[in-house]
Amino acid sequence: LLYSEFSQDSNTSMTAIADLGDGGPAAIVIDEPNNYSLKRWSPKHQRFE
């Protein structure tokens, strides 16, 4: 991991990097206190959204 946007939120962590197999950009699985969320890389904004 070269960069993390989670440094200020200790209750959130990145769990996995995923290739969803649909030809889209990479995705990350976020482990939050009560659920998981999926964020995909945005080439336009240069961040996971």
N, C-alpha and C. Protein backbone atom coordinates (compact mmCIF):
# COMPACT_ATOMS: atom_id res chain seq x y z
N LEU A 1 0.86 -1.17 0.00
CA LEU A 1 0.00 0.00 0.00
C LEU A 1 0.90 1.23 0.00
N LEU A 2 0.75 2.06 -1.02
CA LEU A 2 1.58 3.25 -1.13
C LEU A 2 0.93 4.48 -0.55
N TYR A 3 -0.39 4.49 -0.49
CA TYR A 3 -1.12 5.67 -0.03
C TYR A 3 -2.40 5.22 0.64
N SER A 4 -2.76 5.88 1.71
CA SER A 4 -4.01 5.53 2.40
C SER A 4 -4.78 6.78 2.77
N GLU A 5 -6.08 6.79 2.44
CA GLU A 5 -6.96 7.88 2.85
C GLU A 5 -7.63 7.56 4.18
N PHE A 6 -7.24 6.48 4.83
CA PHE A 6 -7.90 6.03 6.05
C PHE A 6 -7.13 6.39 7.31
N SER A 7 -6.04 7.12 7.19
CA SER A 7 -5.18 7.37 8.34
C SER A 7 -5.88 8.13 9.47
N GLN A 8 -6.90 8.92 9.16
CA GLN A 8 -7.58 9.69 10.20
C GLN A 8 -8.82 8.97 10.74
N ASP A 9 -9.20 7.87 10.15
CA ASP A 9 -10.38 7.13 10.61
C ASP A 9 -9.95 5.72 10.99
N SER A 10 -9.68 5.52 12.27
CA SER A 10 -9.15 4.22 12.71
C SER A 10 -10.19 3.10 12.66
N ASN A 11 -11.47 3.43 12.45
CA ASN A 11 -12.51 2.41 12.37
C ASN A 11 -12.72 1.88 10.96
N THR A 12 -11.98 2.39 10.00
CA THR A 12 -12.12 1.99 8.61
C THR A 12 -10.79 1.46 8.10
N SER A 13 -10.83 0.35 7.37
CA SER A 13 -9.60 -0.18 6.80
C SER A 13 -9.87 -0.81 5.44
N MET A 14 -8.84 -0.82 4.61
CA MET A 14 -8.94 -1.47 3.32
C MET A 14 -8.71 -2.96 3.54
N THR A 15 -9.62 -3.78 3.04
CA THR A 15 -9.54 -5.22 3.26
C THR A 15 -8.95 -5.95 2.06
N ALA A 16 -9.29 -5.50 0.84
CA ALA A 16 -8.84 -6.22 -0.35
C ALA A 16 -8.83 -5.30 -1.57
N ILE A 17 -8.02 -5.67 -2.55
CA ILE A 17 -8.05 -5.05 -3.88
C ILE A 17 -8.64 -6.09 -4.81
N ALA A 18 -9.62 -5.68 -5.63
CA ALA A 18 -10.33 -6.65 -6.46
C ALA A 18 -10.38 -6.24 -7.91
N ASP A 19 -10.25 -7.23 -8.79
CA ASP A 19 -10.53 -7.07 -10.22
C ASP A 19 -11.89 -7.71 -10.42
N LEU A 20 -12.90 -6.90 -10.73
CA LEU A 20 -14.26 -7.41 -10.82
C LEU A 20 -14.53 -8.15 -12.13
N GLY A 21 -13.56 -8.17 -13.03
CA GLY A 21 -13.69 -8.95 -14.25
C GLY A 21 -14.60 -8.36 -15.30
N ASP A 22 -14.99 -7.11 -15.13
CA ASP A 22 -15.89 -6.49 -16.10
C ASP A 22 -15.18 -5.49 -17.01
N GLY A 23 -13.86 -5.48 -16.97
CA GLY A 23 -13.10 -4.56 -17.80
C GLY A 23 -12.96 -3.18 -17.20
N GLY A 24 -13.59 -2.94 -16.06
CA GLY A 24 -13.51 -1.64 -15.39
C GLY A 24 -12.24 -1.55 -14.56
N PRO A 25 -12.03 -0.39 -13.94
CA PRO A 25 -10.83 -0.20 -13.13
C PRO A 25 -10.88 -1.03 -11.85
N ALA A 26 -9.75 -1.12 -11.18
CA ALA A 26 -9.65 -1.87 -9.93
C ALA A 26 -10.61 -1.34 -8.89
N ALA A 27 -10.94 -2.19 -7.94
CA ALA A 27 -11.83 -1.80 -6.84
C ALA A 27 -11.17 -2.20 -5.53
N ILE A 28 -11.56 -1.52 -4.45
CA ILE A 28 -11.10 -1.91 -3.13
C ILE A 28 -12.31 -2.21 -2.25
N VAL A 29 -12.13 -3.15 -1.34
CA VAL A 29 -13.16 -3.49 -0.37
C VAL A 29 -12.79 -2.78 0.93
N ILE A 30 -13.73 -1.97 1.44
CA ILE A 30 -13.52 -1.20 2.65
C ILE A 30 -14.28 -1.85 3.79
N ASP A 31 -13.58 -2.12 4.88
CA ASP A 31 -14.19 -2.70 6.08
C ASP A 31 -14.51 -1.55 7.04
N GLU A 32 -15.80 -1.27 7.20
CA GLU A 32 -16.27 -0.22 8.09
C GLU A 32 -16.90 -0.87 9.32
N PRO A 33 -17.15 -0.12 10.38
CA PRO A 33 -17.65 -0.73 11.62
C PRO A 33 -18.90 -1.62 11.45
N ASN A 34 -19.84 -1.24 10.62
CA ASN A 34 -21.09 -2.01 10.51
C ASN A 34 -21.33 -2.64 9.15
N ASN A 35 -20.41 -2.47 8.21
CA ASN A 35 -20.63 -3.04 6.88
C ASN A 35 -19.35 -2.99 6.05
N TYR A 36 -19.44 -3.53 4.86
CA TYR A 36 -18.38 -3.45 3.87
C TYR A 36 -18.86 -2.57 2.73
N SER A 37 -17.94 -1.87 2.09
CA SER A 37 -18.30 -1.10 0.90
C SER A 37 -17.26 -1.34 -0.18
N LEU A 38 -17.64 -1.06 -1.39
CA LEU A 38 -16.78 -1.26 -2.55
C LEU A 38 -16.56 0.08 -3.22
N LYS A 39 -15.29 0.42 -3.47
CA LYS A 39 -14.98 1.67 -4.15
C LYS A 39 -14.12 1.35 -5.36
N ARG A 40 -14.43 2.02 -6.48
CA ARG A 40 -13.68 1.80 -7.71
C ARG A 40 -12.79 2.99 -8.00
N TRP A 41 -11.69 2.72 -8.68
CA TRP A 41 -10.75 3.76 -9.05
C TRP A 41 -11.37 4.66 -10.11
N SER A 42 -11.27 5.97 -9.91
CA SER A 42 -11.74 6.95 -10.89
C SER A 42 -10.53 7.56 -11.59
N PRO A 43 -10.30 7.20 -12.85
CA PRO A 43 -9.17 7.80 -13.57
C PRO A 43 -9.30 9.32 -13.68
N LYS A 44 -10.53 9.79 -13.78
CA LYS A 44 -10.75 11.24 -13.90
C LYS A 44 -10.33 11.99 -12.64
N HIS A 45 -10.72 11.47 -11.47
CA HIS A 45 -10.43 12.15 -10.21
C HIS A 45 -9.17 11.63 -9.51
N GLN A 46 -8.59 10.55 -10.06
CA GLN A 46 -7.37 9.95 -9.50
C GLN A 46 -7.55 9.55 -8.02
N ARG A 47 -8.68 8.87 -7.74
CA ARG A 47 -8.94 8.39 -6.39
C ARG A 47 -10.01 7.30 -6.44
N PHE A 48 -10.16 6.58 -5.32
CA PHE A 48 -11.23 5.60 -5.22
C PHE A 48 -12.51 6.30 -4.80
N GLU A 49 -13.62 5.97 -5.48
CA GLU A 49 -14.91 6.60 -5.19
C GLU A 49 -15.99 5.54 -5.06
